[in-house]
Protein backbone atom coordinates (compact mmCIF):
# COMPACT_ATOMS: atom_id res chain seq x y z
CA MET A 1 0.00 0.00 0.00
CA ALA A 2 1.33 3.45 -0.95
CA PRO A 3 1.93 5.96 1.85
CA LEU A 4 -0.90 8.38 2.53
CA LYS A 5 -0.61 11.83 1.02
CA THR A 6 -2.90 14.79 1.59
CA HIS A 7 -4.28 16.51 -1.51
CA VAL A 8 -5.06 20.23 -1.50
CA ALA A 9 -6.42 21.92 -4.61
CA LEU A 10 -6.37 25.73 -4.60
CA ASN A 11 -7.98 28.08 -7.08
CA VAL A 12 -5.55 30.88 -8.00
CA THR A 13 -5.95 34.05 -10.03
CA ASP A 14 -2.32 34.34 -11.20
CA LEU A 15 -0.75 30.95 -11.81
CA GLU A 16 2.77 32.29 -12.40
CA LYS A 17 2.84 34.28 -9.13
CA SER A 18 1.37 31.33 -7.26
CA VAL A 19 3.97 28.91 -8.66
CA ILE A 20 6.72 31.31 -7.58
CA PHE A 21 5.20 31.49 -4.09
CA TYR A 22 4.71 27.73 -3.65
CA ARG A 23 8.15 26.99 -5.09
CA ALA A 24 9.54 29.13 -2.24
CA MET A 25 7.05 27.76 0.30
CA PHE A 26 8.07 24.13 -0.21
CA GLY A 27 11.51 24.46 -1.82
CA VAL A 28 10.60 22.25 -4.79
CA GLU A 29 9.71 22.67 -8.44
CA PRO A 30 6.25 21.77 -9.75
CA VAL A 31 6.10 18.30 -11.31
CA LYS A 32 3.50 19.54 -13.80
CA TYR A 33 3.05 23.11 -15.06
CA LYS A 34 0.49 23.97 -17.74
CA ASP A 35 -1.20 27.24 -18.78
CA ASP A 36 -4.05 26.76 -16.30
CA TYR A 37 -2.70 24.18 -13.83
CA ALA A 38 0.34 23.35 -11.72
CA LYS A 39 1.05 20.38 -9.49
CA PHE A 40 3.55 20.11 -6.67
CA ASP A 41 4.26 16.58 -5.42
CA ILE A 42 5.89 17.17 -2.04
CA SER A 43 7.43 14.36 -0.03
CA SER A 44 7.74 16.17 3.31
CA PRO A 45 5.07 16.91 4.28
CA ALA A 46 3.36 14.28 2.12
CA LEU A 47 1.28 16.64 -0.01
CA ASN A 48 -0.17 16.67 -3.49
CA LEU A 49 -0.81 20.38 -4.05
CA THR A 50 -2.54 21.51 -7.22
CA LEU A 51 -3.11 25.07 -8.37
CA ASN A 52 -6.05 25.66 -10.69
CA LEU A 53 -6.36 28.93 -12.58
CA ALA A 54 -9.67 30.66 -11.82
CA PRO A 55 -11.10 34.03 -12.90
CA SER A 56 -11.57 35.07 -9.26
CA VAL A 57 -11.00 33.80 -5.74
CA GLN A 58 -12.95 34.79 -2.67
CA THR A 59 -10.36 35.42 0.04
CA GLY A 60 -11.29 33.99 3.39
CA GLY A 61 -14.53 32.09 3.23
CA ALA A 62 -14.53 29.18 5.66
CA LEU A 63 -10.75 28.73 5.53
CA SER A 64 -8.82 30.27 8.43
CA HIS A 65 -5.29 29.31 7.36
CA LEU A 66 -3.07 26.43 6.28
CA GLY A 67 -0.01 25.13 8.04
CA ILE A 68 2.91 22.78 8.04
CA GLN A 69 3.97 21.39 11.41
CA VAL A 70 7.68 20.60 11.49
CA GLU A 71 9.80 18.76 14.06
CA THR A 72 12.32 21.46 15.07
CA THR A 73 12.87 25.20 15.41
CA GLU A 74 15.75 24.76 12.94
CA GLU A 75 13.21 23.72 10.29
CA VAL A 76 11.22 26.90 11.01
CA ARG A 77 14.45 28.90 10.61
CA SER A 78 15.14 27.12 7.31
CA ALA A 79 11.68 28.15 6.06
CA ILE A 80 12.38 31.75 7.15
CA GLN A 81 15.62 31.71 5.14
CA ARG A 82 13.88 30.21 2.08
CA PHE A 83 11.07 32.80 2.24
CA THR A 84 13.51 35.68 2.75
CA GLU A 85 15.64 34.58 -0.22
CA ALA A 86 12.48 34.45 -2.35
CA GLY A 87 11.56 38.00 -1.31
CA LEU A 88 8.33 36.94 0.44
CA ALA A 89 6.82 39.11 3.15
CA LEU A 90 6.81 37.14 6.37
CA PHE A 91 5.93 37.42 10.03
CA THR A 92 7.72 35.42 12.69
CA GLU A 93 6.65 34.43 16.17
CA ASP A 94 9.03 32.90 18.70
CA ASP A 95 7.80 31.28 21.91
CA THR A 96 4.21 32.25 21.16
CA ASP A 97 1.31 30.70 23.07
CA CYS A 98 -1.08 29.81 20.27
CA CYS A 99 -3.89 27.29 20.34
CA TYR A 100 -2.86 26.44 23.91
CA ALA A 101 0.63 25.34 22.83
CA LEU A 102 4.03 27.03 22.95
CA GLN A 103 5.27 27.40 19.37
CA ASP A 104 7.86 29.00 17.09
CA LYS A 105 6.41 29.89 13.70
CA VAL A 106 6.66 31.89 10.52
CA TRP A 107 3.71 33.16 8.48
CA VAL A 108 3.52 33.93 4.74
CA THR A 109 0.56 34.76 2.50
CA ASP A 110 0.14 33.47 -1.04
CA PRO A 111 -0.85 35.78 -3.93
CA ASP A 112 -4.57 35.04 -3.39
CA GLY A 113 -4.54 35.79 0.34
CA ASN A 114 -4.22 32.26 1.76
CA CYS A 115 -2.22 32.43 5.00
CA TRP A 116 0.29 29.67 5.66
CA GLU A 117 2.28 28.96 8.80
CA VAL A 118 5.31 26.76 9.30
CA PHE A 119 5.48 25.92 12.99
CA VAL A 120 6.98 23.70 15.66
CA VAL A 121 5.17 22.84 18.89
CA LYS A 122 7.59 23.21 21.78
CA VAL A 123 5.13 22.56 24.63
CA GLY A 124 1.98 20.65 23.73
CA ASP A 125 -0.54 22.01 26.23
CA THR A 126 -0.01 25.31 28.02
CA ALA A 127 -3.34 25.19 29.88
CA PRO A 128 -4.22 21.55 30.66
CA GLU A 129 -6.27 22.52 33.72
CA GLN A 130 -8.57 24.59 31.51
CA ASN A 131 -9.86 21.80 29.27
CA VAL A 132 -13.63 22.02 28.95
CA VAL A 133 -16.51 19.79 27.95
CA VAL A 134 -17.29 19.68 24.22
CA GLY A 135 -19.76 22.42 23.38
CA GLU A 136 -18.46 24.69 26.14
CA ALA A 137 -15.10 25.60 24.62
CA VAL A 138 -14.04 29.22 24.55
CA ASN A 139 -12.83 30.57 21.20
CA LYS A 140 -9.12 31.44 21.30
CA SER A 141 -8.38 33.27 18.07
CA CYS A 142 -4.56 33.41 17.95
CA CYS A 143 -4.52 31.27 14.82
CA ALA A 144 -7.17 33.26 12.95
């Protein structure tokens, strides 16, 4: 049986700009690149990412953001270097308490407004005594 791989298909309004962004995001070349379509086959994380040219894209909608969880802070730093070399605007957070976990992360936004984070979880639960019953959870919006 082949290893599992997540597939994400994104509509994009400028395929060339999006390919440049995702090339920097993942550090790989697309395996397929047509006039209206590009495919990135990424081994780590196991991701089949396709970009489909569309006349318009509604930013936001139900999607909050996308992310890649890595194993170490060094991998976050490597992403920061890759994004900086590609000229991407980025925002970094070190030792941030987000989603009730201590994390280091870097944020970038693709040409159509999709926010991506590359992050490492340093401490898994920063408020274990505050767990609540399903349906009673309080919204913590650090990741929004």
